C-alpha atoms as a PDB file:
ATOM      1  CA  MET A   1     -32.707  15.960 -22.625  1.00  0.00           C
ATOM      2  CA  LYS A   2     -30.278  19.107 -21.182  1.00  0.00           C
ATOM      3  CA  ALA A   3     -31.485  17.759 -17.790  1.00  0.00           C
ATOM      4  CA  PHE A   4     -30.096  14.141 -18.590  1.00  0.00           C
ATOM      5  CA  ARG A   5     -26.993  15.881 -19.999  1.00  0.00           C
ATOM      6  CA  SER A   6     -26.460  17.769 -16.685  1.00  0.00           C
ATOM      7  CA  LEU A   7     -26.745  14.593 -14.433  1.00  0.00           C
ATOM      8  CA  LEU A   8     -24.434  13.293 -16.327  1.00  0.00           C
ATOM      9  CA  LEU A   9     -21.907  16.549 -15.984  1.00  0.00           C
ATOM     10  CA  ASP A  10     -22.536  16.936 -12.212  1.00  0.00           C
ATOM     11  CA  PHE A  11     -21.639  12.860 -12.060  1.00  0.00           C
ATOM     12  CA  ALA A  12     -18.455  13.547 -13.866  1.00  0.00           C
ATOM     13  CA  ARG A  13     -17.473  16.281 -12.023  1.00  0.00           C
ATOM     14  CA  ASP A  14     -17.849  14.517  -8.561  1.00  0.00           C
ATOM     15  CA  ARG A  15     -15.042  13.570  -6.706  1.00  0.00           C
ATOM     16  CA  ARG A  16     -16.825  12.013  -3.490  1.00  0.00           C
ATOM     17  CA  GLY A  17     -16.494   8.558  -4.936  1.00  0.00           C
ATOM     18  CA  ALA A  18     -12.823   8.634  -5.988  1.00  0.00           C
ATOM     19  CA  THR A  19     -11.967   9.691  -2.666  1.00  0.00           C
ATOM     20  CA  ALA A  20     -13.816   6.868  -1.266  1.00  0.00           C
ATOM     21  CA  ILE A  21     -11.851   4.311  -3.198  1.00  0.00           C
ATOM     22  CA  GLU A  22      -8.655   5.934  -2.126  1.00  0.00           C
ATOM     23  CA  TYR A  23      -9.699   5.119   1.384  1.00  0.00           C
ATOM     24  CA  THR A  24     -10.658   2.131   0.587  1.00  0.00           C
ATOM     25  CA  LEU A  25      -7.098   0.929  -0.813  1.00  0.00           C
ATOM     26  CA  ILE A  26      -5.321   3.055   2.389  1.00  0.00           C
ATOM     27  CA  THR A  27      -7.358   0.836   4.369  1.00  0.00           C
ATOM     28  CA  GLY A  28      -6.867  -2.170   2.864  1.00  0.00           C
ATOM     29  CA  LEU A  29      -3.202  -1.761   2.625  1.00  0.00           C
ATOM     30  CA  VAL A  30      -2.972  -1.041   6.119  1.00  0.00           C
ATOM     31  CA  SER A  31      -4.847  -4.174   7.477  1.00  0.00           C
ATOM     32  CA  LEU A  32      -2.475  -6.334   5.051  1.00  0.00           C
ATOM     33  CA  THR A  33       0.577  -4.903   7.149  1.00  0.00           C
ATOM     34  CA  ILE A  34      -1.259  -5.373  10.375  1.00  0.00           C
ATOM     35  CA  ILE A  35      -2.201  -8.755   9.485  1.00  0.00           C
ATOM     36  CA  ALA A  36       1.370  -9.895   8.159  1.00  0.00           C
ATOM     37  CA  GLY A  37       2.991  -8.575  11.271  1.00  0.00           C
ATOM     38  CA  ALA A  38       0.696 -10.274  13.368  1.00  0.00           C
ATOM     39  CA  THR A  39       1.526 -13.492  11.693  1.00  0.00           C
ATOM     40  CA  GLN A  40       4.937 -13.267  11.774  1.00  0.00           C
ATOM     41  CA  ILE A  41       5.050 -12.193  15.542  1.00  0.00           C
ATOM     42  CA  GLY A  42       2.823 -14.730  16.515  1.00  0.00           C
ATOM     43  CA  GLN A  43       5.197 -17.260  14.426  1.00  0.00           C
ATOM     44  CA  ARG A  44       8.031 -16.017  16.614  1.00  0.00           C
ATOM     45  CA  VAL A  45       5.987 -16.560  20.079  1.00  0.00           C
ATOM     46  CA  LEU A  46       5.561 -19.734  19.136  1.00  0.00           C
ATOM     47  CA  VAL A  47       8.739 -20.877  18.573  1.00  0.00           C
ATOM     48  CA  PHE A  48       9.889 -19.416  21.754  1.00  0.00           C
ATOM     49  CA  PHE A  49       7.089 -21.033  23.656  1.00  0.00           C
ATOM     50  CA  GLN A  50       8.305 -24.293  21.721  1.00  0.00           C
ATOM     51  CA  SER A  51      11.608 -23.919  22.991  1.00  0.00           C
ATOM     52  CA  VAL A  52      10.476 -23.141  26.662  1.00  0.00           C
ATOM     53  CA  ALA A  53       8.054 -25.898  26.613  1.00  0.00           C
ATOM     54  CA  ALA A  54      11.202 -28.692  25.356  1.00  0.00           C
ATOM     55  CA  GLY A  55      13.587 -27.242  28.053  1.00  0.00           C
ATOM     56  CA  PHE A  56      10.875 -29.066  30.353  1.00  0.00           C
ATOM     57  CA  ASN A  57      11.368 -32.131  29.328  1.00  0.00           C
END
C-alpha cells in the first residue's frame, strides 16, 4: 500500500506533463496565427493577380 501511495505522490508532484501541455498550447496558437496570416496574404495576392489579369483583357 505504501508503494502505491508513494507512486501517487510522485505522480502528483511531477510537472513535466504540465509543461508539455503548455508548449502544445503555445505551438497551437502560433500555428493558428501563421495559418490566418498566410490565408490573408494569399487572398490579397489572388486579388492582385486577378486585377493584373483583368488589365490584359
